[in-house]
């Protein structure tokens, strides 16, 4: 499965549809996104079509075939998903209650944002420091890159996602805090609604990002790196975790 179309340079979703908007064009506060023939829904990521395990299969490589460090990162993804689902449930409860805070909702929000700072951000730094550089190099060597001078690969999309995580998490957290201090009920409701939608967008992006890494990025790493390079990766990831 290719995330970057080597002929056109377009970033692709799991079914090969072009992802039209790049990071610099994405504004989490802007709810109207580009609509084109390539996209059936009003979403730049087209998530409903992206979760296709057959389309993302890389030579049948499964979890048990991966090296230790890649398995560890999938295990971390599973833990992350559990926290994200709790946060998503809290967002839904908050929305259905017309944005009324309860102690349970407040605790779930605090738990997620602490987890984001203490676990999600370090996990992303680990990928950026040790996994992405070597994989980006291997993808270019194997011809899996865009034809432009920058030679974009699937790694560029993953790194863009990491930046978007920070943007959306910061927006959601700050908007929740801002809304709580607004004296006007109408303005408070609008701001809470904006926080809710940014939080939902963050969860969906996390879910899609994890799916792509688990089913495409990590298997590609296993396929393209030599045994010696995988041993080095294992050592670096293990050292980072200590």
C-alpha atoms as a PDB file:
ATOM      1  CA  UNK A   1       0.000   0.000   0.000  1.00  0.00           C
ATOM      2  CA  UNK A   2       1.319   3.469  -0.898  1.00  0.00           C
ATOM      3  CA  UNK A   3       0.559   6.631   1.062  1.00  0.00           C
ATOM      4  CA  UNK A   4       2.542   8.754  -1.402  1.00  0.00           C
ATOM      5  CA  UNK A   5       1.805   8.433  -5.120  1.00  0.00           C
ATOM      6  CA  UNK A   6       5.250   8.339  -6.762  1.00  0.00           C
ATOM      7  CA  UNK A   7       3.837   9.550 -10.085  1.00  0.00           C
ATOM      8  CA  UNK A   8       1.801  12.552  -8.963  1.00  0.00           C
ATOM      9  CA  UNK A   9       3.316  13.321  -5.581  1.00  0.00           C
ATOM     10  CA  UNK A  10      -0.152  13.278  -4.018  1.00  0.00           C
ATOM     11  CA  UNK A  11      -0.665  11.812  -0.583  1.00  0.00           C
ATOM     12  CA  UNK A  12      -3.055   8.893  -0.706  1.00  0.00           C
ATOM     13  CA  UNK A  13      -5.465   7.297   1.680  1.00  0.00           C
ATOM     14  CA  UNK A  14      -5.800   3.520   1.927  1.00  0.00           C
ATOM     15  CA  UNK A  15      -7.876   3.255  -1.262  1.00  0.00           C
ATOM     16  CA  UNK A  16      -5.573   5.465  -3.292  1.00  0.00           C
ATOM     17  CA  UNK A  17      -7.720   8.614  -3.215  1.00  0.00           C
ATOM     18  CA  UNK A  18      -5.720  11.843  -3.175  1.00  0.00           C
ATOM     19  CA  UNK A  19      -5.557  13.715   0.113  1.00  0.00           C
ATOM     20  CA  UNK A  20      -6.070  17.218  -1.169  1.00  0.00           C
ATOM     21  CA  UNK A  21      -5.171  19.413   1.761  1.00  0.00           C
ATOM     22  CA  UNK A  22      -1.643  19.618   3.151  1.00  0.00           C
ATOM     23  CA  UNK A  23      -0.745  20.719   6.657  1.00  0.00           C
ATOM     24  CA  UNK A  24      -0.243  24.392   5.825  1.00  0.00           C
ATOM     25  CA  UNK A  25      -3.719  24.518   4.316  1.00  0.00           C
ATOM     26  CA  UNK A  26      -5.405  22.794   7.252  1.00  0.00           C
ATOM     27  CA  UNK A  27      -7.043  25.030   9.834  1.00  0.00           C
ATOM     28  CA  UNK A  28      -8.693  23.093  12.682  1.00  0.00           C
ATOM     29  CA  UNK A  29     -10.909  26.117  13.334  1.00  0.00           C
ATOM     30  CA  UNK A  30     -12.212  26.171   9.784  1.00  0.00           C
ATOM     31  CA  UNK A  31     -15.053  23.708   9.488  1.00  0.00           C
ATOM     32  CA  UNK A  32     -15.581  23.971   5.726  1.00  0.00           C
ATOM     33  CA  UNK A  33     -13.081  21.787   3.913  1.00  0.00           C
ATOM     34  CA  UNK A  34     -12.310  21.391   0.243  1.00  0.00           C
ATOM     35  CA  UNK A  35     -14.803  19.335  -1.687  1.00  0.00           C
ATOM     36  CA  UNK A  36     -13.654  17.570  -4.823  1.00  0.00           C
ATOM     37  CA  UNK A  37     -14.522  14.626  -7.003  1.00  0.00           C
ATOM     38  CA  UNK A  38     -11.980  12.521  -5.147  1.00  0.00           C
ATOM     39  CA  UNK A  39     -13.781  12.922  -1.837  1.00  0.00           C
ATOM     40  CA  UNK A  40     -17.231  11.558  -1.249  1.00  0.00           C
ATOM     41  CA  UNK A  41     -17.591  13.120   2.197  1.00  0.00           C
ATOM     42  CA  UNK A  42     -16.792  16.513   3.680  1.00  0.00           C
ATOM     43  CA  UNK A  43     -13.461  15.426   5.126  1.00  0.00           C
ATOM     44  CA  UNK A  44      -9.893  15.960   3.891  1.00  0.00           C
ATOM     45  CA  UNK A  45      -8.863  12.571   5.276  1.00  0.00           C
ATOM     46  CA  UNK A  46     -11.899  10.586   4.050  1.00  0.00           C
ATOM     47  CA  UNK A  47     -11.690   8.309   7.128  1.00  0.00           C
ATOM     48  CA  UNK A  48     -14.562   5.901   6.304  1.00  0.00           C
ATOM     49  CA  UNK A  49     -12.637   4.615   3.281  1.00  0.00           C
ATOM     50  CA  UNK A  50      -9.260   4.596   5.029  1.00  0.00           C
ATOM     51  CA  UNK A  51      -9.734   1.671   7.386  1.00  0.00           C
ATOM     52  CA  UNK A  52      -9.316  -1.051   4.793  1.00  0.00           C
ATOM     53  CA  UNK A  53      -6.942  -3.738   6.066  1.00  0.00           C
ATOM     54  CA  UNK A  54      -6.736  -5.387   2.648  1.00  0.00           C
ATOM     55  CA  UNK A  55      -5.638  -2.116   1.043  1.00  0.00           C
ATOM     56  CA  UNK A  56      -3.007  -1.455   3.714  1.00  0.00           C
ATOM     57  CA  UNK A  57      -1.576  -4.978   3.812  1.00  0.00           C
ATOM     58  CA  UNK A  58       2.203  -5.054   3.320  1.00  0.00           C
ATOM     59  CA  UNK A  59       3.241  -8.506   2.091  1.00  0.00           C
ATOM     60  CA  UNK A  60       1.110 -10.169   4.755  1.00  0.00           C
ATOM     61  CA  UNK A  61       3.365  -8.937   7.574  1.00  0.00           C
ATOM     62  CA  UNK A  62       1.553  -9.260  10.899  1.00  0.00           C
ATOM     63  CA  UNK A  63       2.224  -8.286  14.505  1.00  0.00           C
ATOM     64  CA  UNK A  64       4.027 -11.533  15.311  1.00  0.00           C
ATOM     65  CA  UNK A  65       6.397 -10.971  12.357  1.00  0.00           C
ATOM     66  CA  UNK A  66       7.615  -7.604  13.651  1.00  0.00           C
ATOM     67  CA  UNK A  67      10.788  -6.874  15.540  1.00  0.00           C
ATOM     68  CA  UNK A  68      10.570  -6.133  19.268  1.00  0.00           C
ATOM     69  CA  UNK A  69      10.580  -2.337  19.086  1.00  0.00           C
ATOM     70  CA  UNK A  70       7.780  -2.250  16.516  1.00  0.00           C
ATOM     71  CA  UNK A  71       5.683  -4.606  18.631  1.00  0.00           C
ATOM     72  CA  UNK A  72       6.285  -2.332  21.619  1.00  0.00           C
ATOM     73  CA  UNK A  73       5.026   0.678  19.706  1.00  0.00           C
ATOM     74  CA  UNK A  74       1.872  -1.180  18.662  1.00  0.00           C
ATOM     75  CA  UNK A  75       1.336  -2.112  22.316  1.00  0.00           C
ATOM     76  CA  UNK A  76       1.649   1.578  23.188  1.00  0.00           C
ATOM     77  CA  UNK A  77      -0.883   2.353  20.461  1.00  0.00           C
ATOM     78  CA  UNK A  78      -3.325  -0.075  22.070  1.00  0.00           C
ATOM     79  CA  UNK A  79      -2.949   1.709  25.405  1.00  0.00           C
ATOM     80  CA  UNK A  80      -3.330   5.082  23.677  1.00  0.00           C
ATOM     81  CA  UNK A  81      -6.502   3.916  21.933  1.00  0.00           C
ATOM     82  CA  UNK A  82      -8.066   2.941  25.251  1.00  0.00           C
ATOM     83  CA  UNK A  83      -7.413   6.433  26.661  1.00  0.00           C
ATOM     84  CA  UNK A  84      -8.670   8.073  23.473  1.00  0.00           C
ATOM     85  CA  UNK A  85     -11.911   6.087  23.615  1.00  0.00           C
ATOM     86  CA  UNK A  86     -12.529   7.209  27.206  1.00  0.00           C
ATOM     87  CA  UNK A  87     -11.936  10.807  26.150  1.00  0.00           C
ATOM     88  CA  UNK A  88     -14.257  10.399  23.178  1.00  0.00           C
ATOM     89  CA  UNK A  89     -16.957   8.984  25.481  1.00  0.00           C
ATOM     90  CA  UNK A  90     -16.512  11.942  27.829  1.00  0.00           C
ATOM     91  CA  UNK A  91     -16.812  14.360  24.903  1.00  0.00           C
ATOM     92  CA  UNK A  92     -20.033  12.640  23.839  1.00  0.00           C
ATOM     93  CA  UNK A  93     -21.475  12.821  27.351  1.00  0.00           C
ATOM     94  CA  UNK A  94     -20.464  16.476  27.586  1.00  0.00           C
ATOM     95  CA  UNK A  95     -22.156  17.252  24.263  1.00  0.00           C
ATOM     96  CA  UNK A  96     -25.358  15.359  25.131  1.00  0.00           C
ATOM     97  CA  UNK A  97     -25.628  17.187  28.468  1.00  0.00           C
ATOM     98  CA  UNK A  98     -25.607  20.539  26.606  1.00  0.00           C
ATOM     99  CA  UNK A  99     -22.059  21.090  27.862  1.00  0.00           C
ATOM    100  CA  UNK A 100     -22.664  20.611  31.554  1.00  0.00           C
ATOM    101  CA  UNK A 101     -19.554  19.628  33.510  1.00  0.00           C
ATOM    102  CA  UNK A 102     -19.773  16.733  35.947  1.00  0.00           C
ATOM    103  CA  UNK A 103     -16.956  15.492  38.131  1.00  0.00           C
ATOM    104  CA  UNK A 104     -16.649  12.356  35.996  1.00  0.00           C
ATOM    105  CA  UNK A 105     -16.402  14.316  32.739  1.00  0.00           C
ATOM    106  CA  UNK A 106     -13.894  16.714  34.248  1.00  0.00           C
ATOM    107  CA  UNK A 107     -11.763  13.815  35.538  1.00  0.00           C
ATOM    108  CA  UNK A 108     -11.789  12.105  32.128  1.00  0.00           C
ATOM    109  CA  UNK A 109     -10.750  15.298  30.382  1.00  0.00           C
ATOM    110  CA  UNK A 110      -7.899  15.873  32.836  1.00  0.00           C
ATOM    111  CA  UNK A 111      -6.789  12.249  32.559  1.00  0.00           C
ATOM    112  CA  UNK A 112      -6.606  12.417  28.766  1.00  0.00           C
ATOM    113  CA  UNK A 113      -4.663  15.677  28.565  1.00  0.00           C
ATOM    114  CA  UNK A 114      -2.178  14.443  31.177  1.00  0.00           C
ATOM    115  CA  UNK A 115      -1.792  11.225  29.206  1.00  0.00           C
ATOM    116  CA  UNK A 116      -1.287  13.252  26.023  1.00  0.00           C
ATOM    117  CA  UNK A 117       1.574  15.224  27.595  1.00  0.00           C
ATOM    118  CA  UNK A 118       3.214  12.327  29.426  1.00  0.00           C
ATOM    119  CA  UNK A 119       2.810   9.497  26.919  1.00  0.00           C
ATOM    120  CA  UNK A 120       1.558  10.506  23.457  1.00  0.00           C
ATOM    121  CA  UNK A 121       4.090  13.293  22.935  1.00  0.00           C
ATOM    122  CA  UNK A 122       7.074  11.139  24.079  1.00  0.00           C
ATOM    123  CA  UNK A 123       5.836   8.301  21.865  1.00  0.00           C
ATOM    124  CA  UNK A 124       5.783  10.653  18.886  1.00  0.00           C
ATOM    125  CA  UNK A 125       9.256  11.990  19.686  1.00  0.00           C
ATOM    126  CA  UNK A 126      10.549   8.429  19.824  1.00  0.00           C
ATOM    127  CA  UNK A 127       9.217   7.765  16.326  1.00  0.00           C
ATOM    128  CA  UNK A 128      10.555  11.069  14.995  1.00  0.00           C
ATOM    129  CA  UNK A 129      14.019  10.549  16.474  1.00  0.00           C
ATOM    130  CA  UNK A 130      14.669   6.875  15.794  1.00  0.00           C
ATOM    131  CA  UNK A 131      12.151   5.351  13.368  1.00  0.00           C
ATOM    132  CA  UNK A 132      11.199   8.003  10.847  1.00  0.00           C
ATOM    133  CA  UNK A 133      14.700   9.058   9.664  1.00  0.00           C
ATOM    134  CA  UNK A 134      15.813   5.545   8.699  1.00  0.00           C
ATOM    135  CA  UNK A 135      12.439   4.630   7.189  1.00  0.00           C
ATOM    136  CA  UNK A 136      12.320   7.852   5.169  1.00  0.00           C
ATOM    137  CA  UNK A 137      15.766   7.035   3.762  1.00  0.00           C
ATOM    138  CA  UNK A 138      14.741   3.467   2.912  1.00  0.00           C
ATOM    139  CA  UNK A 139      11.535   4.606   1.200  1.00  0.00           C
ATOM    140  CA  UNK A 140      13.471   7.008  -1.001  1.00  0.00           C
ATOM    141  CA  UNK A 141      16.007   4.306  -1.856  1.00  0.00           C
ATOM    142  CA  UNK A 142      13.183   1.943  -2.849  1.00  0.00           C
ATOM    143  CA  UNK A 143      11.488   4.590  -5.019  1.00  0.00           C
ATOM    144  CA  UNK A 144       8.480   5.012  -2.707  1.00  0.00           C
ATOM    145  CA  UNK A 145       8.425   8.812  -2.799  1.00  0.00           C
ATOM    146  CA  UNK A 146       6.921  11.737  -4.681  1.00  0.00           C
ATOM    147  CA  UNK A 147       8.637  12.876  -7.905  1.00  0.00           C
ATOM    148  CA  UNK A 148       9.253  16.438  -6.728  1.00  0.00           C
ATOM    149  CA  UNK A 149      12.549  17.762  -5.421  1.00  0.00           C
ATOM    150  CA  UNK A 150      11.492  17.285  -1.796  1.00  0.00           C
ATOM    151  CA  UNK A 151      10.888  13.532  -2.345  1.00  0.00           C
ATOM    152  CA  UNK A 152       8.027  13.226   0.112  1.00  0.00           C
ATOM    153  CA  UNK A 153       7.314   9.810   1.609  1.00  0.00           C
ATOM    154  CA  UNK A 154       4.727   8.318   3.934  1.00  0.00           C
ATOM    155  CA  UNK A 155       6.924   9.522   6.783  1.00  0.00           C
ATOM    156  CA  UNK A 156       6.126  13.136   5.899  1.00  0.00           C
ATOM    157  CA  UNK A 157       2.422  12.438   6.338  1.00  0.00           C
ATOM    158  CA  UNK A 158       3.033  10.798   9.712  1.00  0.00           C
ATOM    159  CA  UNK A 159       5.106  13.770  10.882  1.00  0.00           C
ATOM    160  CA  UNK A 160       2.399  16.168   9.723  1.00  0.00           C
ATOM    161  CA  UNK A 161      -0.078  14.197  11.814  1.00  0.00           C
ATOM    162  CA  UNK A 162       2.120  14.653  14.884  1.00  0.00           C
ATOM    163  CA  UNK A 163       1.991  18.422  14.428  1.00  0.00           C
ATOM    164  CA  UNK A 164      -1.774  18.323  13.972  1.00  0.00           C
ATOM    165  CA  UNK A 165      -2.124  16.330  17.204  1.00  0.00           C
ATOM    166  CA  UNK A 166      -0.461  19.167  19.118  1.00  0.00           C
ATOM    167  CA  UNK A 167      -2.560  21.807  17.355  1.00  0.00           C
ATOM    168  CA  UNK A 168      -5.864  20.058  17.989  1.00  0.00           C
ATOM    169  CA  UNK A 169      -5.083  19.036  21.579  1.00  0.00           C
ATOM    170  CA  UNK A 170      -3.988  22.596  22.420  1.00  0.00           C
ATOM    171  CA  UNK A 171      -7.080  24.072  20.792  1.00  0.00           C
ATOM    172  CA  UNK A 172      -9.421  21.687  22.567  1.00  0.00           C
ATOM    173  CA  UNK A 173      -7.801  22.195  25.974  1.00  0.00           C
ATOM    174  CA  UNK A 174      -7.652  25.990  25.685  1.00  0.00           C
ATOM    175  CA  UNK A 175     -11.178  26.338  24.314  1.00  0.00           C
ATOM    176  CA  UNK A 176     -12.577  24.257  27.182  1.00  0.00           C
ATOM    177  CA  UNK A 177     -10.809  26.518  29.645  1.00  0.00           C
ATOM    178  CA  UNK A 178     -11.868  29.689  27.845  1.00  0.00           C
ATOM    179  CA  UNK A 179     -15.512  28.674  27.597  1.00  0.00           C
ATOM    180  CA  UNK A 180     -15.671  27.934  31.317  1.00  0.00           C
ATOM    181  CA  UNK A 181     -14.728  31.552  32.055  1.00  0.00           C
ATOM    182  CA  UNK A 182     -17.104  33.247  29.601  1.00  0.00           C
ATOM    183  CA  UNK A 183     -20.014  35.007  31.347  1.00  0.00           C
ATOM    184  CA  UNK A 184     -22.310  35.020  28.317  1.00  0.00           C
ATOM    185  CA  UNK A 185     -24.240  31.753  27.931  1.00  0.00           C
ATOM    186  CA  UNK A 186     -24.448  31.954  24.138  1.00  0.00           C
ATOM    187  CA  UNK A 187     -20.724  32.628  23.698  1.00  0.00           C
ATOM    188  CA  UNK A 188     -19.905  29.880  26.176  1.00  0.00           C
ATOM    189  CA  UNK A 189     -22.042  27.362  24.271  1.00  0.00           C
ATOM    190  CA  UNK A 190     -20.433  28.274  20.941  1.00  0.00           C
ATOM    191  CA  UNK A 191     -16.936  27.920  22.394  1.00  0.00           C
ATOM    192  CA  UNK A 192     -17.742  24.590  24.045  1.00  0.00           C
ATOM    193  CA  UNK A 193     -19.152  23.379  20.731  1.00  0.00           C
ATOM    194  CA  UNK A 194     -15.950  24.351  18.961  1.00  0.00           C
ATOM    195  CA  UNK A 195     -13.909  22.543  21.619  1.00  0.00           C
ATOM    196  CA  UNK A 196     -16.085  19.463  21.196  1.00  0.00           C
ATOM    197  CA  UNK A 197     -15.608  19.321  17.419  1.00  0.00           C
ATOM    198  CA  UNK A 198     -11.854  19.854  17.682  1.00  0.00           C
ATOM    199  CA  UNK A 199     -11.671  17.088  20.274  1.00  0.00           C
ATOM    200  CA  UNK A 200     -13.616  14.741  17.998  1.00  0.00           C
ATOM    201  CA  UNK A 201     -11.307  15.617  15.109  1.00  0.00           C
ATOM    202  CA  UNK A 202      -8.282  14.857  17.290  1.00  0.00           C
ATOM    203  CA  UNK A 203      -9.641  11.414  18.209  1.00  0.00           C
ATOM    204  CA  UNK A 204     -10.432  10.541  14.595  1.00  0.00           C
ATOM    205  CA  UNK A 205      -6.980  11.644  13.442  1.00  0.00           C
ATOM    206  CA  UNK A 206      -5.324   9.635  16.225  1.00  0.00           C
ATOM    207  CA  UNK A 207      -7.361   6.591  15.242  1.00  0.00           C
ATOM    208  CA  UNK A 208      -6.484   6.894  11.552  1.00  0.00           C
ATOM    209  CA  UNK A 209      -2.826   7.626  12.277  1.00  0.00           C
ATOM    210  CA  UNK A 210      -2.517   4.544  14.483  1.00  0.00           C
ATOM    211  CA  UNK A 211      -4.199   2.384  11.863  1.00  0.00           C
ATOM    212  CA  UNK A 212      -1.768   3.548   9.189  1.00  0.00           C
ATOM    213  CA  UNK A 213       1.280   3.023  11.374  1.00  0.00           C
ATOM    214  CA  UNK A 214       0.218  -0.414  12.612  1.00  0.00           C
ATOM    215  CA  UNK A 215      -0.815  -1.690   9.177  1.00  0.00           C
ATOM    216  CA  UNK A 216       1.553   0.133   6.820  1.00  0.00           C
ATOM    217  CA  UNK A 217       4.424   2.070   8.434  1.00  0.00           C
ATOM    218  CA  UNK A 218       5.608  -0.614  10.838  1.00  0.00           C
ATOM    219  CA  UNK A 219       5.318  -3.492   8.329  1.00  0.00           C
ATOM    220  CA  UNK A 220       7.204  -1.363   5.781  1.00  0.00           C
ATOM    221  CA  UNK A 221       9.920  -0.835   8.379  1.00  0.00           C
ATOM    222  CA  UNK A 222      10.144  -4.584   8.968  1.00  0.00           C
ATOM    223  CA  UNK A 223      10.326  -5.190   5.212  1.00  0.00           C
ATOM    224  CA  UNK A 224      12.852  -2.506   4.231  1.00  0.00           C
ATOM    225  CA  UNK A 225      15.326  -2.510   7.105  1.00  0.00           C
ATOM    226  CA  UNK A 226      18.104  -5.074   7.293  1.00  0.00           C
ATOM    227  CA  UNK A 227      18.466  -7.376  10.277  1.00  0.00           C
ATOM    228  CA  UNK A 228      21.328  -5.265  11.590  1.00  0.00           C
ATOM    229  CA  UNK A 229      19.326  -2.032  11.180  1.00  0.00           C
ATOM    230  CA  UNK A 230      16.395  -3.577  13.049  1.00  0.00           C
ATOM    231  CA  UNK A 231      18.745  -4.552  15.889  1.00  0.00           C
ATOM    232  CA  UNK A 232      19.968  -0.955  16.111  1.00  0.00           C
ATOM    233  CA  UNK A 233      16.364   0.293  16.089  1.00  0.00           C
ATOM    234  CA  UNK A 234      15.507  -2.100  18.928  1.00  0.00           C
ATOM    235  CA  UNK A 235      18.455  -0.820  20.966  1.00  0.00           C
ATOM    236  CA  UNK A 236      17.600   2.852  20.351  1.00  0.00           C
ATOM    237  CA  UNK A 237      13.919   2.417  21.215  1.00  0.00           C
ATOM    238  CA  UNK A 238      14.805   0.461  24.342  1.00  0.00           C
ATOM    239  CA  UNK A 239      17.239   3.205  25.430  1.00  0.00           C
ATOM    240  CA  UNK A 240      14.622   5.893  24.813  1.00  0.00           C
ATOM    241  CA  UNK A 241      12.105   4.073  27.007  1.00  0.00           C
ATOM    242  CA  UNK A 242      14.483   3.844  29.957  1.00  0.00           C
END
